[in-house]
Amino acid sequence: VQLQASGGGSVQVGGSLRLSCAASGRISVGWFRQAPGKEREFVAAINWRDSNTNYSNSVRGRFTISRDNARNTVDLQMNSLKPEDTAVYYCAISYSNTVSPRKDVYRSWGQGTLVTVSS
């Protein structure tokens, strides 16, 4: 499965961006990010059965993951962005009904999209 995350860009502190991942059907989707020199980390996930969600502590309350069934995408709305949110963001899919933060749960990964937050 080819995945592609889109919607990245440059924004100032406090701004917003919306990332999209083309994904539909009975798949769970996770968003992860990797900052320069750091490990890839979990951001958010949504399962396929009931759209249950999970967020990392660092983004909870600022980011929202959701399905757009009309566009067949899973989106990540990012508000109140901070410089520490700067990273390459990746979406990944799992055929399990999961919101796990573990990278090894997700089978297919897309090319990332760069988000840069400047002060």
N, C-alpha and C. Protein backbone atom coordinates (compact mmCIF):
# COMPACT_ATOMS: atom_id res chain seq x y z
N VAL A 1 0.85 -1.18 0.00
CA VAL A 1 0.00 0.00 0.00
C VAL A 1 0.89 1.24 0.00
N GLN A 2 0.66 2.11 -0.96
CA GLN A 2 1.41 3.35 -1.02
C GLN A 2 0.66 4.41 -0.23
N LEU A 3 1.35 5.01 0.69
CA LEU A 3 0.77 6.09 1.47
C LEU A 3 1.50 7.37 1.20
N GLN A 4 0.80 8.44 1.29
CA GLN A 4 1.43 9.74 1.11
C GLN A 4 0.79 10.72 2.08
N ALA A 5 1.62 11.27 2.92
CA ALA A 5 1.17 12.34 3.79
C ALA A 5 1.35 13.66 3.06
N SER A 6 0.40 14.56 3.25
CA SER A 6 0.48 15.86 2.60
C SER A 6 0.00 16.94 3.54
N GLY A 7 0.28 18.17 3.18
CA GLY A 7 -0.22 19.30 3.95
C GLY A 7 0.81 19.99 4.81
N GLY A 8 2.03 19.51 4.80
CA GLY A 8 3.05 20.15 5.60
C GLY A 8 3.42 21.52 5.07
N GLY A 9 4.21 22.23 5.86
CA GLY A 9 4.64 23.55 5.45
C GLY A 9 5.27 24.29 6.61
N SER A 10 5.43 25.58 6.42
CA SER A 10 6.02 26.43 7.45
C SER A 10 4.95 27.31 8.05
N VAL A 11 5.00 27.45 9.36
CA VAL A 11 3.99 28.24 10.07
C VAL A 11 4.66 28.87 11.29
N GLN A 12 4.09 29.97 11.74
CA GLN A 12 4.63 30.60 12.94
C GLN A 12 4.03 29.99 14.19
N VAL A 13 4.69 30.23 15.29
CA VAL A 13 4.21 29.73 16.58
C VAL A 13 2.76 30.16 16.79
N GLY A 14 1.96 29.21 17.22
CA GLY A 14 0.55 29.48 17.46
C GLY A 14 -0.33 29.24 16.26
N GLY A 15 0.28 28.97 15.12
CA GLY A 15 -0.48 28.74 13.91
C GLY A 15 -1.04 27.35 13.81
N SER A 16 -1.67 27.07 12.67
CA SER A 16 -2.33 25.78 12.44
C SER A 16 -1.95 25.22 11.08
N LEU A 17 -1.96 23.90 11.02
CA LEU A 17 -1.80 23.18 9.76
C LEU A 17 -2.69 21.95 9.80
N ARG A 18 -3.07 21.49 8.63
CA ARG A 18 -3.87 20.26 8.53
C ARG A 18 -3.14 19.30 7.61
N LEU A 19 -2.77 18.17 8.14
CA LEU A 19 -2.13 17.12 7.35
C LEU A 19 -3.16 16.10 6.92
N SER A 20 -2.95 15.51 5.77
CA SER A 20 -3.85 14.49 5.26
C SER A 20 -3.08 13.26 4.84
N CYS A 21 -3.72 12.12 5.02
CA CYS A 21 -3.17 10.83 4.59
C CYS A 21 -4.28 10.11 3.84
N ALA A 22 -4.02 9.77 2.59
CA ALA A 22 -5.02 9.07 1.79
C ALA A 22 -5.16 7.65 2.31
N ALA A 23 -6.27 7.39 2.99
CA ALA A 23 -6.49 6.08 3.59
C ALA A 23 -7.97 5.90 3.83
N SER A 24 -8.49 4.75 3.48
CA SER A 24 -9.91 4.49 3.70
C SER A 24 -10.13 3.00 3.92
N GLY A 25 -11.31 2.65 4.40
CA GLY A 25 -11.64 1.26 4.61
C GLY A 25 -11.31 0.79 6.02
N ARG A 26 -11.20 -0.53 6.15
CA ARG A 26 -10.99 -1.12 7.47
C ARG A 26 -9.52 -1.11 7.86
N ILE A 27 -9.01 0.07 8.01
CA ILE A 27 -7.63 0.24 8.44
C ILE A 27 -7.55 1.29 9.54
N SER A 28 -6.67 1.04 10.48
CA SER A 28 -6.37 2.02 11.50
C SER A 28 -5.17 2.83 11.03
N VAL A 29 -5.12 4.08 11.42
CA VAL A 29 -4.08 4.97 10.95
C VAL A 29 -3.39 5.64 12.13
N GLY A 30 -2.08 5.65 12.05
CA GLY A 30 -1.29 6.36 13.05
C GLY A 30 -0.49 7.46 12.41
N TRP A 31 -0.34 8.55 13.13
CA TRP A 31 0.56 9.62 12.73
C TRP A 31 1.76 9.60 13.67
N PHE A 32 2.93 9.70 13.09
CA PHE A 32 4.18 9.75 13.84
C PHE A 32 4.99 10.93 13.32
N ARG A 33 6.00 11.31 14.08
CA ARG A 33 6.86 12.39 13.62
C ARG A 33 8.30 12.12 14.03
N GLN A 34 9.21 12.70 13.27
CA GLN A 34 10.62 12.54 13.57
C GLN A 34 11.33 13.87 13.38
N ALA A 35 11.84 14.37 14.48
CA ALA A 35 12.62 15.61 14.46
C ALA A 35 14.08 15.27 14.19
N PRO A 36 14.84 16.21 13.66
CA PRO A 36 16.26 15.95 13.37
C PRO A 36 17.01 15.43 14.59
N GLY A 37 17.69 14.33 14.42
CA GLY A 37 18.49 13.77 15.49
C GLY A 37 17.72 13.04 16.56
N LYS A 38 16.42 12.85 16.35
CA LYS A 38 15.59 12.19 17.37
C LYS A 38 14.91 10.95 16.79
N GLU A 39 14.43 10.13 17.71
CA GLU A 39 13.70 8.93 17.30
C GLU A 39 12.32 9.33 16.76
N ARG A 40 11.79 8.47 15.90
CA ARG A 40 10.43 8.67 15.43
C ARG A 40 9.48 8.42 16.60
N GLU A 41 8.54 9.32 16.79
CA GLU A 41 7.65 9.20 17.94
C GLU A 41 6.18 9.26 17.52
N PHE A 42 5.37 8.64 18.37
CA PHE A 42 3.93 8.59 18.16
C PHE A 42 3.32 9.96 18.38
N VAL A 43 2.33 10.29 17.52
CA VAL A 43 1.59 11.53 17.67
C VAL A 43 0.12 11.25 17.97
N ALA A 44 -0.53 10.49 17.08
CA ALA A 44 -1.96 10.23 17.24
C ALA A 44 -2.34 9.01 16.42
N ALA A 45 -3.48 8.41 16.77
CA ALA A 45 -3.96 7.26 16.02
C ALA A 45 -5.48 7.21 16.08
N ILE A 46 -6.06 6.57 15.07
CA ILE A 46 -7.51 6.39 15.01
C ILE A 46 -7.78 4.99 14.49
N ASN A 47 -8.71 4.27 15.12
CA ASN A 47 -8.97 2.91 14.67
C ASN A 47 -10.08 2.89 13.63
N TRP A 48 -10.28 1.69 13.02
CA TRP A 48 -11.25 1.65 11.91
C TRP A 48 -12.65 1.34 12.38
N ARG A 49 -12.79 0.67 13.55
CA ARG A 49 -14.11 0.16 13.92
C ARG A 49 -15.03 1.26 14.40
N ASP A 50 -14.54 2.10 15.30
CA ASP A 50 -15.43 3.12 15.87
C ASP A 50 -14.77 4.48 15.95
N SER A 51 -13.67 4.63 15.20
CA SER A 51 -12.92 5.90 15.18
C SER A 51 -12.49 6.34 16.57
N ASN A 52 -12.18 5.37 17.40
CA ASN A 52 -11.57 5.70 18.69
C ASN A 52 -10.19 6.31 18.42
N THR A 53 -9.80 7.25 19.28
CA THR A 53 -8.54 7.97 19.05
C THR A 53 -7.60 7.87 20.25
N ASN A 54 -6.34 8.14 19.98
CA ASN A 54 -5.32 8.16 21.01
C ASN A 54 -4.31 9.24 20.64
N TYR A 55 -3.79 9.94 21.64
CA TYR A 55 -2.86 11.04 21.40
C TYR A 55 -1.67 10.93 22.35
N SER A 56 -0.54 11.41 21.90
CA SER A 56 0.58 11.54 22.81
C SER A 56 0.30 12.70 23.76
N ASN A 57 0.92 12.67 24.91
CA ASN A 57 0.71 13.74 25.89
C ASN A 57 1.13 15.10 25.34
N SER A 58 2.13 15.10 24.48
CA SER A 58 2.67 16.36 23.99
C SER A 58 1.74 17.08 23.01
N VAL A 59 0.78 16.38 22.44
CA VAL A 59 -0.11 17.03 21.46
C VAL A 59 -1.57 17.01 21.88
N ARG A 60 -1.89 16.25 22.92
CA ARG A 60 -3.30 16.15 23.35
C ARG A 60 -3.84 17.53 23.67
N GLY A 61 -5.02 17.80 23.14
CA GLY A 61 -5.64 19.11 23.35
C GLY A 61 -5.31 20.12 22.27
N ARG A 62 -4.29 19.85 21.47
CA ARG A 62 -3.90 20.76 20.39
C ARG A 62 -4.13 20.13 19.02
N PHE A 63 -3.93 18.82 18.92
CA PHE A 63 -4.07 18.12 17.65
C PHE A 63 -5.34 17.28 17.68
N THR A 64 -5.94 17.10 16.51
CA THR A 64 -7.12 16.26 16.37
C THR A 64 -6.97 15.37 15.15
N ILE A 65 -7.14 14.08 15.35
CA ILE A 65 -7.10 13.13 14.24
C ILE A 65 -8.54 12.75 13.90
N SER A 66 -8.83 12.66 12.61
CA SER A 66 -10.21 12.36 12.22
C SER A 66 -10.22 11.73 10.83
N ARG A 67 -11.32 11.07 10.54
CA ARG A 67 -11.54 10.51 9.20
C ARG A 67 -12.42 11.44 8.39
N ASP A 68 -12.07 11.63 7.14
CA ASP A 68 -12.92 12.35 6.21
C ASP A 68 -13.36 11.33 5.16
N ASN A 69 -14.52 10.79 5.37
CA ASN A 69 -14.98 9.71 4.48
C ASN A 69 -15.28 10.23 3.06
N ALA A 70 -15.61 11.48 2.94
CA ALA A 70 -15.88 12.03 1.60
C ALA A 70 -14.61 12.12 0.77
N ARG A 71 -13.49 12.39 1.43
CA ARG A 71 -12.21 12.53 0.73
C ARG A 71 -11.36 11.28 0.84
N ASN A 72 -11.84 10.30 1.63
CA ASN A 72 -11.05 9.07 1.87
C ASN A 72 -9.67 9.39 2.43
N THR A 73 -9.68 10.23 3.42
CA THR A 73 -8.43 10.59 4.08
C THR A 73 -8.57 10.48 5.59
N VAL A 74 -7.43 10.39 6.24
CA VAL A 74 -7.35 10.56 7.68
C VAL A 74 -6.51 11.81 7.90
N ASP A 75 -7.09 12.77 8.58
CA ASP A 75 -6.47 14.07 8.72
C ASP A 75 -5.95 14.30 10.13
N LEU A 76 -4.93 15.12 10.22
CA LEU A 76 -4.40 15.54 11.50
C LEU A 76 -4.45 17.07 11.54
N GLN A 77 -5.40 17.59 12.28
CA GLN A 77 -5.51 19.03 12.46
C GLN A 77 -4.60 19.44 13.60
N MET A 78 -3.68 20.33 13.30
CA MET A 78 -2.69 20.74 14.30
C MET A 78 -2.87 22.21 14.60
N ASN A 79 -3.23 22.52 15.83
CA ASN A 79 -3.45 23.90 16.27
C ASN A 79 -2.43 24.26 17.34
N SER A 80 -2.32 25.55 17.59
CA SER A 80 -1.41 26.05 18.63
C SER A 80 -0.02 25.44 18.49
N LEU A 81 0.49 25.49 17.30
CA LEU A 81 1.77 24.83 17.02
C LEU A 81 2.93 25.51 17.75
N LYS A 82 3.87 24.67 18.15
CA LYS A 82 5.04 25.12 18.90
C LYS A 82 6.31 24.76 18.12
N PRO A 83 7.41 25.42 18.40
CA PRO A 83 8.66 25.06 17.70
C PRO A 83 9.03 23.59 17.86
N GLU A 84 8.71 23.01 19.01
CA GLU A 84 9.03 21.60 19.23
C GLU A 84 8.16 20.65 18.42
N ASP A 85 7.17 21.17 17.72
CA ASP A 85 6.39 20.34 16.80
C ASP A 85 7.07 20.20 15.44
N THR A 86 8.15 20.93 15.23
CA THR A 86 8.89 20.85 13.98
C THR A 86 9.43 19.44 13.78
N ALA A 87 9.07 18.83 12.66
CA ALA A 87 9.46 17.45 12.38
C ALA A 87 8.95 17.05 11.01
N VAL A 88 9.41 15.91 10.55
CA VAL A 88 8.78 15.25 9.42
C VAL A 88 7.68 14.36 9.96
N TYR A 89 6.49 14.51 9.45
CA TYR A 89 5.33 13.77 9.92
C TYR A 89 5.01 12.65 8.94
N TYR A 90 4.77 11.47 9.49
CA TYR A 90 4.47 10.27 8.70
C TYR A 90 3.11 9.70 9.10
N CYS A 91 2.39 9.18 8.12
CA CYS A 91 1.23 8.38 8.45
C CYS A 91 1.56 6.91 8.17
N ALA A 92 0.88 6.05 8.89
CA ALA A 92 1.11 4.62 8.77
C ALA A 92 -0.20 3.90 9.03
N ILE A 93 -0.34 2.70 8.45
CA ILE A 93 -1.60 1.98 8.60
C ILE A 93 -1.41 0.63 9.25
N SER A 94 -2.47 0.20 9.91
CA SER A 94 -2.52 -1.13 10.49
C SER A 94 -3.85 -1.75 10.11
N TYR A 95 -3.86 -3.05 9.83
CA TYR A 95 -5.11 -3.74 9.54
C TYR A 95 -5.78 -4.25 10.81
N SER A 96 -5.14 -4.01 11.93
CA SER A 96 -5.76 -4.30 13.22
C SER A 96 -6.63 -3.13 13.65
N ASN A 97 -7.59 -3.41 14.50
CA ASN A 97 -8.41 -2.35 15.08
C ASN A 97 -7.64 -1.81 16.28
N THR A 98 -6.83 -0.79 16.06
CA THR A 98 -5.90 -0.36 17.09
C THR A 98 -5.70 1.14 17.12
N VAL A 99 -5.32 1.64 18.29
CA VAL A 99 -4.85 3.02 18.43
C VAL A 99 -3.49 2.98 19.14
N SER A 100 -2.77 1.90 18.91
CA SER A 100 -1.50 1.71 19.59
C SER A 100 -0.49 2.78 19.23
N PRO A 101 0.34 3.19 20.19
CA PRO A 101 1.43 4.12 19.91
C PRO A 101 2.71 3.41 19.45
N ARG A 102 2.67 2.09 19.34
CA ARG A 102 3.88 1.33 18.98
C ARG A 102 4.09 1.33 17.47
N LYS A 103 5.28 1.66 17.05
CA LYS A 103 5.59 1.70 15.62
C LYS A 103 5.44 0.33 14.97
N ASP A 104 5.77 -0.72 15.68
CA ASP A 104 5.77 -2.05 15.07
C ASP A 104 4.37 -2.60 14.82
N VAL A 105 3.37 -1.91 15.29
CA VAL A 105 1.99 -2.32 15.03
C VAL A 105 1.57 -1.94 13.61
N TYR A 106 2.22 -0.95 13.04
CA TYR A 106 1.83 -0.39 11.75
C TYR A 106 2.67 -1.01 10.64
N ARG A 107 2.01 -1.41 9.58
CA ARG A 107 2.67 -2.20 8.56
C ARG A 107 3.19 -1.39 7.39
N SER A 108 2.50 -0.37 7.04
CA SER A 108 2.89 0.40 5.86
C SER A 108 3.06 1.85 6.25
N TRP A 109 4.13 2.42 5.73
CA TRP A 109 4.47 3.80 6.06
C TRP A 109 4.57 4.62 4.78
N GLY A 110 4.12 5.84 4.88
CA GLY A 110 4.22 6.72 3.73
C GLY A 110 5.45 7.60 3.80
N GLN A 111 5.70 8.29 2.72
CA GLN A 111 6.72 9.32 2.75
C GLN A 111 6.21 10.47 3.60
N GLY A 112 7.08 11.07 4.32
CA GLY A 112 6.67 12.09 5.27
C GLY A 112 6.46 13.44 4.64
N THR A 113 5.91 14.33 5.45
CA THR A 113 5.74 15.71 5.06
C THR A 113 6.32 16.60 6.16
N LEU A 114 7.07 17.60 5.76
CA LEU A 114 7.80 18.42 6.71
C LEU A 114 6.92 19.53 7.27
N VAL A 115 6.94 19.64 8.59
CA VAL A 115 6.27 20.74 9.29
C VAL A 115 7.35 21.54 10.02
N THR A 116 7.38 22.83 9.76
CA THR A 116 8.35 23.71 10.40
C THR A 116 7.60 24.82 11.13
N VAL A 117 7.85 24.94 12.42
CA VAL A 117 7.21 25.97 13.23
C VAL A 117 8.29 26.93 13.71
N SER A 118 8.14 28.18 13.34
CA SER A 118 9.17 29.16 13.69
C SER A 118 8.60 30.23 14.62
N SER A 119 9.50 30.75 15.45
CA SER A 119 9.08 31.77 16.41
C SER A 119 9.33 33.16 15.86
